[in-house]
């Protein structure tokens, strides 16, 4: 884990497993006596069950700022506008966590999806990477990645289903 100190890692691509890989990194960090915060975007409140992380609290803390129990793409336009504000709150919390350094690892699950939907800008994602203290490990997930975000990250892993 020492060689991964302070890296910005991105798990992207069309395949399943990006969240699982990121959560696995959080569990691994706890094994090294570190603390992780996971902020989930676009998953709604009840869609992605990570209840199995509860026994790891307070070393791993999970936050969802969205209020609806559905996936983002299933919302009405009005509900999306509401959720966009909640997602922006999640972004602001991520910024605060990076500035105050209240954890060793910050996972922004599906933040790239929020960028893809235009809720969060590419510049804001890059600003998060740049705001990160060198000791904090930052992990971002999502299907799509832009060249500029790819450039800003230390490591980019693409997951694809082969079969």
C-alpha atoms as a PDB file:
ATOM      1  CA  UNK A   1       0.000   0.000   0.000  1.00  0.00           C
ATOM      2  CA  UNK A   2       2.897   2.361   0.626  1.00  0.00           C
ATOM      3  CA  UNK A   3       3.685   2.655  -3.075  1.00  0.00           C
ATOM      4  CA  UNK A   4       0.081   3.716  -3.715  1.00  0.00           C
ATOM      5  CA  UNK A   5       0.544   6.688  -1.362  1.00  0.00           C
ATOM      6  CA  UNK A   6      -1.454   9.627  -2.513  1.00  0.00           C
ATOM      7  CA  UNK A   7      -2.271   8.354  -5.971  1.00  0.00           C
ATOM      8  CA  UNK A   8      -5.274   9.438  -7.969  1.00  0.00           C
ATOM      9  CA  UNK A   9      -6.708   6.293  -9.510  1.00  0.00           C
ATOM     10  CA  UNK A  10      -9.595   6.020 -11.926  1.00  0.00           C
ATOM     11  CA  UNK A  11     -11.567   2.854 -12.648  1.00  0.00           C
ATOM     12  CA  UNK A  12     -13.537   3.352 -15.831  1.00  0.00           C
ATOM     13  CA  UNK A  13     -14.928   1.467 -18.798  1.00  0.00           C
ATOM     14  CA  UNK A  14     -18.149  -0.233 -19.838  1.00  0.00           C
ATOM     15  CA  UNK A  15     -17.663  -3.318 -17.642  1.00  0.00           C
ATOM     16  CA  UNK A  16     -19.139  -4.149 -14.257  1.00  0.00           C
ATOM     17  CA  UNK A  17     -17.014  -4.148 -11.130  1.00  0.00           C
ATOM     18  CA  UNK A  18     -15.711  -0.586 -10.891  1.00  0.00           C
ATOM     19  CA  UNK A  19     -17.460   0.073  -7.570  1.00  0.00           C
ATOM     20  CA  UNK A  20     -16.407  -3.355  -6.258  1.00  0.00           C
ATOM     21  CA  UNK A  21     -12.759  -2.684  -7.089  1.00  0.00           C
ATOM     22  CA  UNK A  22     -12.924   0.734  -5.422  1.00  0.00           C
ATOM     23  CA  UNK A  23     -14.626  -0.669  -2.311  1.00  0.00           C
ATOM     24  CA  UNK A  24     -12.006  -3.423  -2.220  1.00  0.00           C
ATOM     25  CA  UNK A  25      -9.343  -0.715  -2.088  1.00  0.00           C
ATOM     26  CA  UNK A  26     -11.160   0.866   0.876  1.00  0.00           C
ATOM     27  CA  UNK A  27     -11.283  -2.464   2.723  1.00  0.00           C
ATOM     28  CA  UNK A  28      -7.596  -2.960   1.997  1.00  0.00           C
ATOM     29  CA  UNK A  29      -6.846   0.535   3.344  1.00  0.00           C
ATOM     30  CA  UNK A  30      -8.652  -0.308   6.601  1.00  0.00           C
ATOM     31  CA  UNK A  31      -6.380  -3.339   6.903  1.00  0.00           C
ATOM     32  CA  UNK A  32      -3.468  -0.892   6.915  1.00  0.00           C
ATOM     33  CA  UNK A  33      -5.061   1.183   9.675  1.00  0.00           C
ATOM     34  CA  UNK A  34      -6.345   3.859   7.343  1.00  0.00           C
ATOM     35  CA  UNK A  35      -9.746   5.544   7.024  1.00  0.00           C
ATOM     36  CA  UNK A  36     -11.814   5.788   3.857  1.00  0.00           C
ATOM     37  CA  UNK A  37     -14.796   7.866   2.822  1.00  0.00           C
ATOM     38  CA  UNK A  38     -16.971   6.744  -0.081  1.00  0.00           C
ATOM     39  CA  UNK A  39     -19.290   9.232  -1.779  1.00  0.00           C
ATOM     40  CA  UNK A  40     -21.673   7.663  -4.281  1.00  0.00           C
ATOM     41  CA  UNK A  41     -23.126   9.629  -7.167  1.00  0.00           C
ATOM     42  CA  UNK A  42     -26.047   8.718  -9.481  1.00  0.00           C
ATOM     43  CA  UNK A  43     -26.973   5.576  -7.588  1.00  0.00           C
ATOM     44  CA  UNK A  44     -29.960   6.852  -5.671  1.00  0.00           C
ATOM     45  CA  UNK A  45     -30.479   5.923  -2.047  1.00  0.00           C
ATOM     46  CA  UNK A  46     -31.576   2.318  -2.266  1.00  0.00           C
ATOM     47  CA  UNK A  47     -30.199   1.145  -5.591  1.00  0.00           C
ATOM     48  CA  UNK A  48     -26.704   0.097  -4.593  1.00  0.00           C
ATOM     49  CA  UNK A  49     -26.659  -1.846  -1.365  1.00  0.00           C
ATOM     50  CA  UNK A  50     -23.343  -1.477   0.416  1.00  0.00           C
ATOM     51  CA  UNK A  51     -24.750  -2.417   3.821  1.00  0.00           C
ATOM     52  CA  UNK A  52     -21.917  -4.909   4.218  1.00  0.00           C
ATOM     53  CA  UNK A  53     -19.662  -1.910   4.884  1.00  0.00           C
ATOM     54  CA  UNK A  54     -21.547  -1.020   8.090  1.00  0.00           C
ATOM     55  CA  UNK A  55     -19.333  -3.225  10.326  1.00  0.00           C
ATOM     56  CA  UNK A  56     -16.311  -1.275   9.047  1.00  0.00           C
ATOM     57  CA  UNK A  57     -17.607   2.057  10.357  1.00  0.00           C
ATOM     58  CA  UNK A  58     -16.150   4.474  11.336  1.00  0.00           C
ATOM     59  CA  UNK A  59     -13.056   3.451   9.347  1.00  0.00           C
ATOM     60  CA  UNK A  60     -15.150   3.310   6.159  1.00  0.00           C
ATOM     61  CA  UNK A  61     -17.972   5.807   5.856  1.00  0.00           C
ATOM     62  CA  UNK A  62     -20.446   5.850   2.976  1.00  0.00           C
ATOM     63  CA  UNK A  63     -22.335   8.950   1.855  1.00  0.00           C
ATOM     64  CA  UNK A  64     -25.099   9.397  -0.683  1.00  0.00           C
ATOM     65  CA  UNK A  65     -26.499  12.870  -1.131  1.00  0.00           C
ATOM     66  CA  UNK A  66     -29.269  11.877  -3.504  1.00  0.00           C
ATOM     67  CA  UNK A  67     -32.752  11.497  -2.057  1.00  0.00           C
ATOM     68  CA  UNK A  68     -34.603   9.445  -4.680  1.00  0.00           C
ATOM     69  CA  UNK A  69     -34.734   5.653  -4.580  1.00  0.00           C
ATOM     70  CA  UNK A  70     -34.246   5.309  -8.339  1.00  0.00           C
ATOM     71  CA  UNK A  71     -31.352   5.486 -10.731  1.00  0.00           C
ATOM     72  CA  UNK A  72     -30.741   8.961 -12.108  1.00  0.00           C
ATOM     73  CA  UNK A  73     -31.704   8.055 -15.674  1.00  0.00           C
ATOM     74  CA  UNK A  74     -35.141   6.878 -14.469  1.00  0.00           C
ATOM     75  CA  UNK A  75     -36.027  10.266 -12.941  1.00  0.00           C
ATOM     76  CA  UNK A  76     -38.321  12.900 -14.439  1.00  0.00           C
ATOM     77  CA  UNK A  77     -36.718  16.200 -15.554  1.00  0.00           C
ATOM     78  CA  UNK A  78     -38.017  17.897 -12.414  1.00  0.00           C
ATOM     79  CA  UNK A  79     -36.604  15.153 -10.179  1.00  0.00           C
ATOM     80  CA  UNK A  80     -33.281  15.389 -12.027  1.00  0.00           C
ATOM     81  CA  UNK A  81     -33.081  19.128 -11.306  1.00  0.00           C
ATOM     82  CA  UNK A  82     -33.646  18.354  -7.619  1.00  0.00           C
ATOM     83  CA  UNK A  83     -31.074  15.570  -7.596  1.00  0.00           C
ATOM     84  CA  UNK A  84     -28.548  17.744  -9.442  1.00  0.00           C
ATOM     85  CA  UNK A  85     -28.516  20.023  -6.384  1.00  0.00           C
ATOM     86  CA  UNK A  86     -28.001  17.006  -4.118  1.00  0.00           C
ATOM     87  CA  UNK A  87     -25.199  15.749  -6.365  1.00  0.00           C
ATOM     88  CA  UNK A  88     -23.585  19.206  -6.201  1.00  0.00           C
ATOM     89  CA  UNK A  89     -23.776  18.900  -2.388  1.00  0.00           C
ATOM     90  CA  UNK A  90     -21.865  15.630  -2.723  1.00  0.00           C
ATOM     91  CA  UNK A  91     -19.243  17.404  -4.829  1.00  0.00           C
ATOM     92  CA  UNK A  92     -18.933  20.158  -2.220  1.00  0.00           C
ATOM     93  CA  UNK A  93     -18.548  17.564   0.526  1.00  0.00           C
ATOM     94  CA  UNK A  94     -15.808  15.829  -1.509  1.00  0.00           C
ATOM     95  CA  UNK A  95     -14.000  19.183  -1.770  1.00  0.00           C
ATOM     96  CA  UNK A  96     -14.305  19.694   1.991  1.00  0.00           C
ATOM     97  CA  UNK A  97     -12.969  16.196   2.725  1.00  0.00           C
ATOM     98  CA  UNK A  98      -9.945  16.826   0.509  1.00  0.00           C
ATOM     99  CA  UNK A  99      -9.242  20.230   2.066  1.00  0.00           C
ATOM    100  CA  UNK A 100      -9.650  19.107   5.688  1.00  0.00           C
ATOM    101  CA  UNK A 101      -7.909  15.763   5.011  1.00  0.00           C
ATOM    102  CA  UNK A 102     -10.415  13.893   7.172  1.00  0.00           C
ATOM    103  CA  UNK A 103      -9.572  10.526   5.618  1.00  0.00           C
ATOM    104  CA  UNK A 104      -6.681   8.677   3.986  1.00  0.00           C
ATOM    105  CA  UNK A 105      -8.703   7.523   0.987  1.00  0.00           C
ATOM    106  CA  UNK A 106     -11.589   9.250  -0.755  1.00  0.00           C
ATOM    107  CA  UNK A 107     -13.659   7.256  -3.234  1.00  0.00           C
ATOM    108  CA  UNK A 108     -15.941   9.194  -5.575  1.00  0.00           C
ATOM    109  CA  UNK A 109     -18.076   6.429  -7.019  1.00  0.00           C
ATOM    110  CA  UNK A 110     -19.655   7.333 -10.386  1.00  0.00           C
ATOM    111  CA  UNK A 111     -18.395  10.919 -10.294  1.00  0.00           C
ATOM    112  CA  UNK A 112     -17.419  10.415 -13.935  1.00  0.00           C
ATOM    113  CA  UNK A 113     -21.059   9.564 -14.653  1.00  0.00           C
ATOM    114  CA  UNK A 114     -22.097  12.846 -13.039  1.00  0.00           C
ATOM    115  CA  UNK A 115     -19.580  14.522 -15.335  1.00  0.00           C
ATOM    116  CA  UNK A 116     -20.967  12.631 -18.336  1.00  0.00           C
ATOM    117  CA  UNK A 117     -24.483  13.924 -17.505  1.00  0.00           C
ATOM    118  CA  UNK A 118     -23.101  17.464 -17.290  1.00  0.00           C
ATOM    119  CA  UNK A 119     -23.985  17.859 -13.595  1.00  0.00           C
ATOM    120  CA  UNK A 120     -20.324  18.225 -12.648  1.00  0.00           C
ATOM    121  CA  UNK A 121     -17.870  19.790 -15.091  1.00  0.00           C
ATOM    122  CA  UNK A 122     -14.605  18.307 -16.285  1.00  0.00           C
ATOM    123  CA  UNK A 123     -12.847  21.325 -14.750  1.00  0.00           C
ATOM    124  CA  UNK A 124     -14.420  20.553 -11.355  1.00  0.00           C
ATOM    125  CA  UNK A 125     -13.246  16.931 -11.503  1.00  0.00           C
ATOM    126  CA  UNK A 126      -9.721  18.068 -12.357  1.00  0.00           C
ATOM    127  CA  UNK A 127      -9.869  20.688  -9.587  1.00  0.00           C
ATOM    128  CA  UNK A 128     -10.646  17.895  -7.084  1.00  0.00           C
ATOM    129  CA  UNK A 129      -7.577  15.984  -8.253  1.00  0.00           C
ATOM    130  CA  UNK A 130      -5.459  19.123  -7.950  1.00  0.00           C
ATOM    131  CA  UNK A 131      -6.881  19.998  -4.498  1.00  0.00           C
ATOM    132  CA  UNK A 132      -5.926  16.593  -3.105  1.00  0.00           C
ATOM    133  CA  UNK A 133      -3.195  16.515  -0.468  1.00  0.00           C
ATOM    134  CA  UNK A 134      -0.282  14.270  -1.457  1.00  0.00           C
ATOM    135  CA  UNK A 135      -1.021  11.823   1.373  1.00  0.00           C
ATOM    136  CA  UNK A 136      -4.638  11.187   0.369  1.00  0.00           C
ATOM    137  CA  UNK A 137      -5.485   8.486  -2.119  1.00  0.00           C
ATOM    138  CA  UNK A 138      -8.289   9.522  -4.455  1.00  0.00           C
ATOM    139  CA  UNK A 139     -10.284   6.958  -6.408  1.00  0.00           C
ATOM    140  CA  UNK A 140     -12.879   7.886  -9.021  1.00  0.00           C
ATOM    141  CA  UNK A 141     -15.167   5.597 -10.999  1.00  0.00           C
ATOM    142  CA  UNK A 142     -17.467   5.855 -14.003  1.00  0.00           C
ATOM    143  CA  UNK A 143     -17.955   4.567 -17.535  1.00  0.00           C
ATOM    144  CA  UNK A 144     -16.490   7.412 -19.562  1.00  0.00           C
ATOM    145  CA  UNK A 145     -13.318   9.441 -19.075  1.00  0.00           C
ATOM    146  CA  UNK A 146     -12.079  12.523 -20.878  1.00  0.00           C
ATOM    147  CA  UNK A 147      -8.496  13.003 -22.067  1.00  0.00           C
ATOM    148  CA  UNK A 148      -7.959  15.875 -19.627  1.00  0.00           C
ATOM    149  CA  UNK A 149      -9.132  13.845 -16.624  1.00  0.00           C
ATOM    150  CA  UNK A 150      -7.018  10.915 -17.795  1.00  0.00           C
ATOM    151  CA  UNK A 151      -4.008  13.254 -17.928  1.00  0.00           C
ATOM    152  CA  UNK A 152      -4.679  14.588 -14.417  1.00  0.00           C
ATOM    153  CA  UNK A 153      -4.846  11.098 -12.846  1.00  0.00           C
ATOM    154  CA  UNK A 154      -1.857   8.981 -11.832  1.00  0.00           C
ATOM    155  CA  UNK A 155      -3.387   5.658 -12.829  1.00  0.00           C
ATOM    156  CA  UNK A 156      -6.331   4.825 -15.063  1.00  0.00           C
ATOM    157  CA  UNK A 157      -7.714   1.291 -15.207  1.00  0.00           C
ATOM    158  CA  UNK A 158     -10.338   0.354 -17.780  1.00  0.00           C
ATOM    159  CA  UNK A 159     -12.619  -2.566 -16.932  1.00  0.00           C
ATOM    160  CA  UNK A 160     -14.307  -4.437 -19.729  1.00  0.00           C
ATOM    161  CA  UNK A 161     -16.263  -7.638 -19.876  1.00  0.00           C
ATOM    162  CA  UNK A 162     -14.486 -10.124 -22.111  1.00  0.00           C
ATOM    163  CA  UNK A 163     -17.134 -12.821 -21.866  1.00  0.00           C
END
